[in-house]
Amino acid sequence: MGINLQQMLVNILMTGSLYCLVAIGLTLVFSILDIVNFAHGEYYMLGGFAAYYFSVSFGINYFLAIVLAIISVVLFALFIERFTIRPQRGQVVPTLIICLGVSMLLQAIAIITFGSAPKSIPAVSTGIIRVVGITIPFDRLIVLLLSIVLIAAVYIYIQRGRMGRALRAYAQNADGAKLQGVNVNRIGSFGFAVGCGLAAAAGALLGSVFFVEPMMGLPVIVRSMAIIILGGFGSIIGTVVGSYLLASVESTVASIWGTPMALLCYYGIALVVLLIRPRGLMGGHE
């Protein structure tokens, strides 16, 4: 039982870290643009496919393929933000419709272009590591470490970096930030790009552990919604806490009663929090 518990903790760390990457990106977009990006899961999907084709079709090194996948999705996200979302900034309903339209369009294009068959990115290593009774496949350890590094790097930059401070200032008080010379278009593009880039990173990393397929973004975006409801819209720390908390619930309940019950508990918790504390556990901009 002890070994199983230790193994479960490792799985929670990896799953929670990947959820966290996607959910932080979603909450960043919400904080800056005040929209729920329903196409966020598709940027996650595009990151997985980009990493697959860079590493398999072009034979590029695994780590470089991940970097190129993130860059590719970020550039595409900037294009989408500039020509679809920015012209409708401040209008909630039109931007929601646009995001839904982009989501469905990208899903259809992915099915036509990539096919519906799942694809897998070859693991960087097939070895395993045993530490204090825990068996960890080397590829999963790399995914876990890279996820944690990305989460820490983004948090530190948002707290201390120049653009990160401007992003937080705009999220806290948009009018005040404008008076201080913050460029609204620039900060909007920056927040959207970082958010989509994090989703792409999660998709690229997950592709080496599981599979990439056109509909892979749907369950992730639903989980991310539950996470930011629990942690609090606009709260990065709340998103981190929510990611690992719900990953713990999912993993623990699934191991005892199965996946359907895990999903029921997962979304049940989010619903209860939404009813009792609509701002989430740590709601509010940071």
C-alpha atoms as a PDB file:
ATOM      1  CA  MET A   1       0.000   0.000   0.000  1.00  0.00           C
ATOM      2  CA  GLY A   2       2.888   2.350   0.840  1.00  0.00           C
ATOM      3  CA  ILE A   3       4.438   1.865  -2.567  1.00  0.00           C
ATOM      4  CA  ASN A   4       1.084   2.360  -4.250  1.00  0.00           C
ATOM      5  CA  LEU A   5       0.561   5.577  -2.287  1.00  0.00           C
ATOM      6  CA  GLN A   6       3.997   6.843  -3.274  1.00  0.00           C
ATOM      7  CA  GLN A   7       3.363   5.949  -6.899  1.00  0.00           C
ATOM      8  CA  MET A   8       0.024   7.756  -6.731  1.00  0.00           C
ATOM      9  CA  LEU A   9       1.738  10.895  -5.444  1.00  0.00           C
ATOM     10  CA  VAL A  10       4.045  10.883  -8.458  1.00  0.00           C
ATOM     11  CA  ASN A  11       1.075  10.495 -10.798  1.00  0.00           C
ATOM     12  CA  ILE A  12      -0.720  13.355  -9.035  1.00  0.00           C
ATOM     13  CA  LEU A  13       2.320  15.586  -9.443  1.00  0.00           C
ATOM     14  CA  MET A  14       2.582  14.888 -13.160  1.00  0.00           C
ATOM     15  CA  THR A  15      -1.143  15.134 -13.890  1.00  0.00           C
ATOM     16  CA  GLY A  16      -1.535  18.219 -11.726  1.00  0.00           C
ATOM     17  CA  SER A  17       1.428  19.929 -13.387  1.00  0.00           C
ATOM     18  CA  LEU A  18       0.034  19.366 -16.885  1.00  0.00           C
ATOM     19  CA  TYR A  19      -3.422  20.551 -15.819  1.00  0.00           C
ATOM     20  CA  CYS A  20      -1.759  23.542 -14.196  1.00  0.00           C
ATOM     21  CA  LEU A  21      -0.020  24.592 -17.413  1.00  0.00           C
ATOM     22  CA  VAL A  22      -3.308  24.645 -19.300  1.00  0.00           C
ATOM     23  CA  ALA A  23      -5.334  26.218 -16.498  1.00  0.00           C
ATOM     24  CA  ILE A  24      -2.794  29.001 -15.829  1.00  0.00           C
ATOM     25  CA  GLY A  25      -2.941  29.881 -19.512  1.00  0.00           C
ATOM     26  CA  LEU A  26      -6.739  29.990 -19.379  1.00  0.00           C
ATOM     27  CA  THR A  27      -6.808  32.181 -16.275  1.00  0.00           C
ATOM     28  CA  LEU A  28      -4.220  34.555 -17.792  1.00  0.00           C
ATOM     29  CA  VAL A  29      -6.408  35.098 -20.848  1.00  0.00           C
ATOM     30  CA  PHE A  30      -9.405  35.667 -18.609  1.00  0.00           C
ATOM     31  CA  SER A  31      -7.492  38.129 -16.424  1.00  0.00           C
ATOM     32  CA  ILE A  32      -6.340  40.270 -19.339  1.00  0.00           C
ATOM     33  CA  LEU A  33      -9.119  40.009 -21.905  1.00  0.00           C
ATOM     34  CA  ASP A  34     -12.040  39.216 -19.580  1.00  0.00           C
ATOM     35  CA  ILE A  35     -13.121  36.335 -21.801  1.00  0.00           C
ATOM     36  CA  VAL A  36     -13.297  32.596 -21.328  1.00  0.00           C
ATOM     37  CA  ASN A  37     -11.303  31.238 -24.243  1.00  0.00           C
ATOM     38  CA  PHE A  38     -13.329  28.192 -25.290  1.00  0.00           C
ATOM     39  CA  ALA A  39     -10.713  27.476 -27.966  1.00  0.00           C
ATOM     40  CA  HIS A  40      -7.990  27.056 -25.338  1.00  0.00           C
ATOM     41  CA  GLY A  41      -8.162  23.267 -25.566  1.00  0.00           C
ATOM     42  CA  GLU A  42      -7.482  23.476 -29.292  1.00  0.00           C
ATOM     43  CA  TYR A  43      -4.201  25.319 -28.709  1.00  0.00           C
ATOM     44  CA  TYR A  44      -3.330  22.443 -26.383  1.00  0.00           C
ATOM     45  CA  MET A  45      -4.189  20.035 -29.201  1.00  0.00           C
ATOM     46  CA  LEU A  46      -2.166  22.012 -31.753  1.00  0.00           C
ATOM     47  CA  GLY A  47       0.848  21.930 -29.444  1.00  0.00           C
ATOM     48  CA  GLY A  48       0.663  18.144 -29.339  1.00  0.00           C
ATOM     49  CA  PHE A  49       0.372  17.774 -33.110  1.00  0.00           C
ATOM     50  CA  ALA A  50       3.105  20.340 -33.784  1.00  0.00           C
ATOM     51  CA  ALA A  51       5.502  18.492 -31.473  1.00  0.00           C
ATOM     52  CA  TYR A  52       4.562  15.185 -33.126  1.00  0.00           C
ATOM     53  CA  TYR A  53       5.271  16.377 -36.666  1.00  0.00           C
ATOM     54  CA  PHE A  54       8.432  18.238 -35.718  1.00  0.00           C
ATOM     55  CA  SER A  55       9.862  15.190 -33.935  1.00  0.00           C
ATOM     56  CA  VAL A  56       8.514  12.370 -36.143  1.00  0.00           C
ATOM     57  CA  SER A  57       8.136  13.810 -39.647  1.00  0.00           C
ATOM     58  CA  PHE A  58      11.146  16.134 -39.517  1.00  0.00           C
ATOM     59  CA  GLY A  59      13.285  14.080 -37.137  1.00  0.00           C
ATOM     60  CA  ILE A  60      13.983  17.040 -34.863  1.00  0.00           C
ATOM     61  CA  ASN A  61      15.336  16.513 -31.348  1.00  0.00           C
ATOM     62  CA  TYR A  62      12.544  15.974 -28.789  1.00  0.00           C
ATOM     63  CA  PHE A  63      13.333  19.051 -26.699  1.00  0.00           C
ATOM     64  CA  LEU A  64      13.782  21.306 -29.718  1.00  0.00           C
ATOM     65  CA  ALA A  65      10.519  19.953 -31.150  1.00  0.00           C
ATOM     66  CA  ILE A  66       8.709  21.071 -27.989  1.00  0.00           C
ATOM     67  CA  VAL A  67      10.214  24.560 -28.250  1.00  0.00           C
ATOM     68  CA  LEU A  68       9.286  24.831 -31.931  1.00  0.00           C
ATOM     69  CA  ALA A  69       5.762  23.590 -31.182  1.00  0.00           C
ATOM     70  CA  ILE A  70       5.283  26.287 -28.541  1.00  0.00           C
ATOM     71  CA  ILE A  71       6.639  29.000 -30.850  1.00  0.00           C
ATOM     72  CA  SER A  72       4.408  27.844 -33.727  1.00  0.00           C
ATOM     73  CA  VAL A  73       1.258  27.868 -31.605  1.00  0.00           C
ATOM     74  CA  VAL A  74       2.141  31.247 -30.068  1.00  0.00           C
ATOM     75  CA  LEU A  75       2.521  32.803 -33.528  1.00  0.00           C
ATOM     76  CA  PHE A  76      -0.782  31.302 -34.619  1.00  0.00           C
ATOM     77  CA  ALA A  77      -2.458  32.522 -31.417  1.00  0.00           C
ATOM     78  CA  LEU A  78      -1.153  36.055 -32.021  1.00  0.00           C
ATOM     79  CA  PHE A  79      -2.697  35.967 -35.490  1.00  0.00           C
ATOM     80  CA  ILE A  80      -6.056  34.827 -34.080  1.00  0.00           C
ATOM     81  CA  GLU A  81      -5.970  37.458 -31.328  1.00  0.00           C
ATOM     82  CA  ARG A  82      -5.088  40.268 -33.715  1.00  0.00           C
ATOM     83  CA  PHE A  83      -7.734  39.612 -36.346  1.00  0.00           C
ATOM     84  CA  THR A  84     -10.637  38.049 -34.434  1.00  0.00           C
ATOM     85  CA  ILE A  85     -10.546  38.908 -30.725  1.00  0.00           C
ATOM     86  CA  ARG A  86      -8.963  42.367 -30.658  1.00  0.00           C
ATOM     87  CA  PRO A  87     -11.590  44.019 -32.894  1.00  0.00           C
ATOM     88  CA  GLN A  88     -14.300  42.799 -30.468  1.00  0.00           C
ATOM     89  CA  ARG A  89     -12.439  43.632 -27.236  1.00  0.00           C
ATOM     90  CA  GLY A  90     -14.783  44.593 -24.434  1.00  0.00           C
ATOM     91  CA  GLN A  91     -17.795  42.883 -26.023  1.00  0.00           C
ATOM     92  CA  VAL A  92     -18.435  39.701 -24.078  1.00  0.00           C
ATOM     93  CA  VAL A  93     -20.948  37.888 -26.284  1.00  0.00           C
ATOM     94  CA  PRO A  94     -19.166  38.437 -29.633  1.00  0.00           C
ATOM     95  CA  THR A  95     -15.815  37.283 -28.201  1.00  0.00           C
ATOM     96  CA  LEU A  96     -17.395  34.153 -26.711  1.00  0.00           C
ATOM     97  CA  ILE A  97     -18.991  33.330 -30.055  1.00  0.00           C
ATOM     98  CA  ILE A  98     -15.662  33.918 -31.798  1.00  0.00           C
ATOM     99  CA  CYS A  99     -13.842  31.603 -29.371  1.00  0.00           C
ATOM    100  CA  LEU A 100     -16.454  28.880 -29.837  1.00  0.00           C
ATOM    101  CA  GLY A 101     -16.223  29.297 -33.608  1.00  0.00           C
ATOM    102  CA  VAL A 102     -12.427  29.077 -33.546  1.00  0.00           C
ATOM    103  CA  SER A 103     -12.682  25.948 -31.376  1.00  0.00           C
ATOM    104  CA  MET A 104     -15.027  24.133 -33.765  1.00  0.00           C
ATOM    105  CA  LEU A 105     -13.085  25.304 -36.812  1.00  0.00           C
ATOM    106  CA  LEU A 106      -9.756  24.063 -35.444  1.00  0.00           C
ATOM    107  CA  GLN A 107     -11.283  20.714 -34.494  1.00  0.00           C
ATOM    108  CA  ALA A 108     -12.657  20.236 -38.005  1.00  0.00           C
ATOM    109  CA  ILE A 109      -9.382  21.304 -39.643  1.00  0.00           C
ATOM    110  CA  ALA A 110      -7.423  18.957 -37.355  1.00  0.00           C
ATOM    111  CA  ILE A 111      -9.619  15.976 -38.249  1.00  0.00           C
ATOM    112  CA  ILE A 112      -9.270  16.702 -41.972  1.00  0.00           C
ATOM    113  CA  THR A 113      -5.541  17.456 -41.823  1.00  0.00           C
ATOM    114  CA  PHE A 114      -4.212  15.053 -39.196  1.00  0.00           C
ATOM    115  CA  GLY A 115      -6.840  12.319 -39.305  1.00  0.00           C
ATOM    116  CA  SER A 116      -8.785  10.908 -36.372  1.00  0.00           C
ATOM    117  CA  ALA A 117      -6.307   8.133 -35.481  1.00  0.00           C
ATOM    118  CA  PRO A 118      -4.329   8.831 -32.261  1.00  0.00           C
ATOM    119  CA  LYS A 119      -0.627   9.530 -32.707  1.00  0.00           C
ATOM    120  CA  SER A 120       2.174   9.221 -30.183  1.00  0.00           C
ATOM    121  CA  ILE A 121       5.428  11.145 -29.909  1.00  0.00           C
ATOM    122  CA  PRO A 122       8.316   8.689 -29.370  1.00  0.00           C
ATOM    123  CA  ALA A 123       9.552   8.802 -25.787  1.00  0.00           C
ATOM    124  CA  VAL A 124      12.882  10.504 -25.251  1.00  0.00           C
ATOM    125  CA  SER A 125      13.940   7.460 -23.214  1.00  0.00           C
ATOM    126  CA  THR A 126      12.436   4.064 -22.402  1.00  0.00           C
ATOM    127  CA  GLY A 127      14.349   3.661 -19.157  1.00  0.00           C
ATOM    128  CA  ILE A 128      12.976   3.771 -15.630  1.00  0.00           C
ATOM    129  CA  ILE A 129      14.195   5.261 -12.367  1.00  0.00           C
ATOM    130  CA  ARG A 130      13.609   3.738  -8.932  1.00  0.00           C
ATOM    131  CA  VAL A 131      13.737   6.085  -5.964  1.00  0.00           C
ATOM    132  CA  VAL A 132      12.676   5.089  -2.418  1.00  0.00           C
ATOM    133  CA  GLY A 133      10.401   2.380  -3.737  1.00  0.00           C
ATOM    134  CA  ILE A 134       8.869   4.498  -6.487  1.00  0.00           C
ATOM    135  CA  THR A 135       9.192   3.396 -10.099  1.00  0.00           C
ATOM    136  CA  ILE A 136       9.159   6.349 -12.497  1.00  0.00           C
ATOM    137  CA  PRO A 137       9.486   5.985 -16.276  1.00  0.00           C
ATOM    138  CA  PHE A 138      12.210   8.357 -17.396  1.00  0.00           C
ATOM    139  CA  ASP A 139      10.007  10.028 -19.997  1.00  0.00           C
ATOM    140  CA  ARG A 140       7.383  10.856 -17.372  1.00  0.00           C
ATOM    141  CA  LEU A 141      10.043  12.235 -15.042  1.00  0.00           C
ATOM    142  CA  ILE A 142      11.205  14.572 -17.822  1.00  0.00           C
ATOM    143  CA  VAL A 143       7.612  15.697 -18.452  1.00  0.00           C
ATOM    144  CA  LEU A 144       7.117  16.355 -14.736  1.00  0.00           C
ATOM    145  CA  LEU A 145      10.335  18.346 -14.368  1.00  0.00           C
ATOM    146  CA  LEU A 146       9.750  20.407 -17.518  1.00  0.00           C
ATOM    147  CA  SER A 147       6.183  21.180 -16.410  1.00  0.00           C
ATOM    148  CA  ILE A 148       7.309  22.365 -12.988  1.00  0.00           C
ATOM    149  CA  VAL A 149      10.095  24.492 -14.510  1.00  0.00           C
ATOM    150  CA  LEU A 150       7.643  26.143 -16.931  1.00  0.00           C
ATOM    151  CA  ILE A 151       5.119  26.850 -14.164  1.00  0.00           C
ATOM    152  CA  ALA A 152       7.818  28.366 -11.929  1.00  0.00           C
ATOM    153  CA  ALA A 153       9.328  30.403 -14.782  1.00  0.00           C
ATOM    154  CA  VAL A 154       5.983  31.899 -15.799  1.00  0.00           C
ATOM    155  CA  TYR A 155       5.061  32.740 -12.210  1.00  0.00           C
ATOM    156  CA  ILE A 156       8.417  34.398 -11.520  1.00  0.00           C
ATOM    157  CA  TYR A 157       8.262  36.391 -14.757  1.00  0.00           C
ATOM    158  CA  ILE A 158       4.730  37.581 -14.069  1.00  0.00           C
ATOM    159  CA  GLN A 159       5.772  38.658 -10.587  1.00  0.00           C
ATOM    160  CA  ARG A 160       9.099  40.305 -11.496  1.00  0.00           C
ATOM    161  CA  GLY A 161       9.381  40.768 -15.269  1.00  0.00           C
ATOM    162  CA  ARG A 162       8.564  44.108 -16.871  1.00  0.00           C
ATOM    163  CA  MET A 163       5.766  42.778 -19.071  1.00  0.00           C
ATOM    164  CA  GLY A 164       4.627  40.543 -16.235  1.00  0.00           C
ATOM    165  CA  ARG A 165       4.210  43.507 -13.889  1.00  0.00           C
ATOM    166  CA  ALA A 166       2.353  45.417 -16.600  1.00  0.00           C
ATOM    167  CA  LEU A 167       0.099  42.409 -17.102  1.00  0.00           C
ATOM    168  CA  ARG A 168      -0.713  42.248 -13.373  1.00  0.00           C
ATOM    169  CA  ALA A 169      -1.299  45.997 -13.216  1.00  0.00           C
ATOM    170  CA  TYR A 170      -3.723  45.837 -16.129  1.00  0.00           C
ATOM    171  CA  ALA A 171      -5.525  42.837 -14.636  1.00  0.00           C
ATOM    172  CA  GLN A 172      -5.951  44.636 -11.302  1.00  0.00           C
ATOM    173  CA  ASN A 173      -6.942  48.058 -12.634  1.00  0.00           C
ATOM    174  CA  ALA A 174      -7.266  48.458 -16.401  1.00  0.00           C
ATOM    175  CA  ASP A 175      -8.023  52.193 -16.316  1.00  0.00           C
ATOM    176  CA  GLY A 176      -5.176  52.932 -13.931  1.00  0.00           C
ATOM    177  CA  ALA A 177      -2.750  50.899 -16.059  1.00  0.00           C
ATOM    178  CA  LYS A 178      -3.797  52.841 -19.171  1.00  0.00           C
ATOM    179  CA  LEU A 179      -3.095  56.120 -17.378  1.00  0.00           C
ATOM    180  CA  GLN A 180       0.388  54.818 -16.548  1.00  0.00           C
ATOM    181  CA  GLY A 181       1.071  54.231 -20.249  1.00  0.00           C
ATOM    182  CA  VAL A 182       0.358  50.498 -20.535  1.00  0.00           C
ATOM    183  CA  ASN A 183      -0.324  49.619 -24.176  1.00  0.00           C
ATOM    184  CA  VAL A 184      -3.657  47.787 -24.146  1.00  0.00           C
ATOM    185  CA  ASN A 185      -3.144  46.009 -27.463  1.00  0.00           C
ATOM    186  CA  ARG A 186       0.368  44.944 -26.598  1.00  0.00           C
ATOM    187  CA  ILE A 187      -0.519  43.608 -23.151  1.00  0.00           C
ATOM    188  CA  GLY A 188      -3.577  41.838 -24.550  1.00  0.00           C
ATOM    189  CA  SER A 189      -1.498  40.101 -27.199  1.00  0.00           C
ATOM    190  CA  PHE A 190       1.167  39.215 -24.645  1.00  0.00           C
ATOM    191  CA  GLY A 191      -1.301  37.655 -22.209  1.00  0.00           C
ATOM    192  CA  PHE A 192      -3.073  35.717 -24.943  1.00  0.00           C
ATOM    193  CA  ALA A 193       0.214  34.455 -26.397  1.00  0.00           C
ATOM    194  CA  VAL A 194       1.567  33.320 -23.021  1.00  0.00           C
ATOM    195  CA  GLY A 195      -1.704  31.596 -22.175  1.00  0.00           C
ATOM    196  CA  CYS A 196      -1.874  29.720 -25.477  1.00  0.00           C
ATOM    197  CA  GLY A 197       1.846  28.943 -25.320  1.00  0.00           C
ATOM    198  CA  LEU A 198       1.383  27.235 -21.947  1.00  0.00           C
ATOM    199  CA  ALA A 199      -1.470  25.166 -23.360  1.00  0.00           C
ATOM    200  CA  ALA A 200       0.717  24.196 -26.324  1.00  0.00           C
ATOM    201  CA  ALA A 201       3.540  23.216 -23.967  1.00  0.00           C
ATOM    202  CA  ALA A 202       1.204  20.916 -22.035  1.00  0.00           C
ATOM    203  CA  GLY A 203      -0.030  19.303 -25.266  1.00  0.00           C
ATOM    204  CA  ALA A 204       3.519  18.801 -26.542  1.00  0.00           C
ATOM    205  CA  LEU A 205       4.661  17.261 -23.266  1.00  0.00           C
ATOM    206  CA  LEU A 206       1.630  15.014 -22.930  1.00  0.00           C
ATOM    207  CA  GLY A 207       2.097  13.699 -26.463  1.00  0.00           C
ATOM    208  CA  SER A 208       5.177  11.792 -25.393  1.00  0.00           C
ATOM    209  CA  VAL A 209       3.327  10.096 -22.539  1.00  0.00           C
ATOM    210  CA  PHE A 210      -0.093   9.397 -24.055  1.00  0.00           C
ATOM    211  CA  PHE A 211      -1.493  10.262 -27.497  1.00  0.00           C
ATOM    212  CA  VAL A 212      -2.416  13.292 -29.575  1.00  0.00           C
ATOM    213  CA  GLU A 213      -5.705  13.390 -31.473  1.00  0.00           C
ATOM    214  CA  PRO A 214      -8.068  16.121 -32.744  1.00  0.00           C
ATOM    215  CA  MET A 215     -10.528  15.984 -29.820  1.00  0.00           C
ATOM    216  CA  MET A 216      -7.952  15.847 -27.029  1.00  0.00           C
ATOM    217  CA  GLY A 217      -8.593  19.454 -26.046  1.00  0.00           C
ATOM    218  CA  LEU A 218     -12.212  18.978 -24.949  1.00  0.00           C
ATOM    219  CA  PRO A 219     -11.678  17.085 -21.663  1.00  0.00           C
ATOM    220  CA  VAL A 220      -8.735  19.325 -20.806  1.00  0.00           C
ATOM    221  CA  ILE A 221     -10.663  22.584 -21.254  1.00  0.00           C
ATOM    222  CA  VAL A 222     -13.512  21.222 -19.114  1.00  0.00           C
ATOM    223  CA  ARG A 223     -11.063  20.238 -16.373  1.00  0.00           C
ATOM    224  CA  SER A 224      -9.367  23.632 -16.627  1.00  0.00           C
ATOM    225  CA  MET A 225     -12.723  25.355 -16.143  1.00  0.00           C
ATOM    226  CA  ALA A 226     -13.285  23.308 -12.986  1.00  0.00           C
ATOM    227  CA  ILE A 227      -9.793  24.180 -11.753  1.00  0.00           C
ATOM    228  CA  ILE A 228     -10.154  27.946 -12.135  1.00  0.00           C
ATOM    229  CA  ILE A 229     -13.637  27.808 -10.593  1.00  0.00           C
ATOM    230  CA  LEU A 230     -12.096  26.082  -7.578  1.00  0.00           C
ATOM    231  CA  GLY A 231      -8.960  28.210  -7.368  1.00  0.00           C
ATOM    232  CA  GLY A 232     -10.590  31.516  -8.321  1.00  0.00           C
ATOM    233  CA  PHE A 233     -10.862  33.380 -11.601  1.00  0.00           C
ATOM    234  CA  GLY A 234      -7.789  35.562 -12.071  1.00  0.00           C
ATOM    235  CA  SER A 235      -5.732  33.907  -9.323  1.00  0.00           C
ATOM    236  CA  ILE A 236      -2.575  32.188 -10.529  1.00  0.00           C
ATOM    237  CA  ILE A 237      -1.751  30.727  -7.110  1.00  0.00           C
ATOM    238  CA  GLY A 238      -5.361  29.589  -6.808  1.00  0.00           C
ATOM    239  CA  THR A 239      -5.036  27.883 -10.192  1.00  0.00           C
ATOM    240  CA  VAL A 240      -1.913  26.039  -9.047  1.00  0.00           C
ATOM    241  CA  VAL A 241      -3.614  24.925  -5.825  1.00  0.00           C
ATOM    242  CA  GLY A 242      -6.773  23.925  -7.697  1.00  0.00           C
ATOM    243  CA  SER A 243      -4.800  21.918 -10.269  1.00  0.00           C
ATOM    244  CA  TYR A 244      -3.028  19.734  -7.733  1.00  0.00           C
ATOM    245  CA  LEU A 245      -6.070  19.461  -5.489  1.00  0.00           C
ATOM    246  CA  LEU A 246      -8.359  18.232  -8.255  1.00  0.00           C
ATOM    247  CA  ALA A 247      -5.610  15.996  -9.658  1.00  0.00           C
ATOM    248  CA  SER A 248      -5.406  14.443  -6.177  1.00  0.00           C
ATOM    249  CA  VAL A 249      -9.172  13.888  -6.068  1.00  0.00           C
ATOM    250  CA  GLU A 250      -9.214  12.437  -9.578  1.00  0.00           C
ATOM    251  CA  SER A 251      -6.321  10.055  -8.974  1.00  0.00           C
ATOM    252  CA  THR A 252      -7.432   8.927  -5.505  1.00  0.00           C
ATOM    253  CA  VAL A 253     -11.102   8.374  -6.305  1.00  0.00           C
ATOM    254  CA  ALA A 254     -10.313   6.728  -9.662  1.00  0.00           C
ATOM    255  CA  SER A 255      -8.010   4.213  -7.979  1.00  0.00           C
ATOM    256  CA  ILE A 256     -10.760   3.227  -5.527  1.00  0.00           C
ATOM    257  CA  TRP A 257     -14.072   3.585  -7.365  1.00  0.00           C
ATOM    258  CA  GLY A 258     -13.093   4.100 -11.000  1.00  0.00           C
ATOM    259  CA  THR A 259     -12.904   6.995 -13.464  1.00  0.00           C
ATOM    260  CA  PRO A 260     -16.660   7.791 -13.724  1.00  0.00           C
ATOM    261  CA  MET A 261     -16.880   8.364  -9.955  1.00  0.00           C
ATOM    262  CA  ALA A 262     -13.681  10.422 -10.087  1.00  0.00           C
ATOM    263  CA  LEU A 263     -15.200  12.733 -12.685  1.00  0.00           C
ATOM    264  CA  LEU A 264     -18.382  13.008 -10.632  1.00  0.00           C
ATOM    265  CA  CYS A 265     -16.418  14.056  -7.546  1.00  0.00           C
ATOM    266  CA  TYR A 266     -14.190  16.304  -9.637  1.00  0.00           C
ATOM    267  CA  TYR A 267     -17.023  18.398 -11.051  1.00  0.00           C
ATOM    268  CA  GLY A 268     -19.123  18.061  -7.912  1.00  0.00           C
ATOM    269  CA  ILE A 269     -16.435  19.855  -5.928  1.00  0.00           C
ATOM    270  CA  ALA A 270     -16.260  22.640  -8.512  1.00  0.00           C
ATOM    271  CA  LEU A 271     -20.054  23.018  -8.423  1.00  0.00           C
ATOM    272  CA  VAL A 272     -20.162  23.201  -4.621  1.00  0.00           C
ATOM    273  CA  VAL A 273     -17.398  25.809  -4.567  1.00  0.00           C
ATOM    274  CA  LEU A 274     -19.181  27.818  -7.267  1.00  0.00           C
ATOM    275  CA  LEU A 275     -22.401  27.811  -5.221  1.00  0.00           C
ATOM    276  CA  ILE A 276     -20.830  28.552  -1.838  1.00  0.00           C
ATOM    277  CA  ARG A 277     -17.921  30.790  -2.849  1.00  0.00           C
ATOM    278  CA  PRO A 278     -18.349  32.055  -6.446  1.00  0.00           C
ATOM    279  CA  ARG A 279     -14.950  33.798  -6.376  1.00  0.00           C
ATOM    280  CA  GLY A 280     -13.201  30.510  -5.663  1.00  0.00           C
ATOM    281  CA  LEU A 281     -10.880  29.590  -2.839  1.00  0.00           C
ATOM    282  CA  MET A 282      -8.378  32.328  -3.710  1.00  0.00           C
ATOM    283  CA  GLY A 283     -10.442  34.468  -6.060  1.00  0.00           C
ATOM    284  CA  GLY A 284      -9.313  37.894  -7.219  1.00  0.00           C
ATOM    285  CA  HIS A 285      -6.484  39.207  -9.336  1.00  0.00           C
ATOM    286  CA  GLU A 286      -2.983  38.981  -7.919  1.00  0.00           C
END
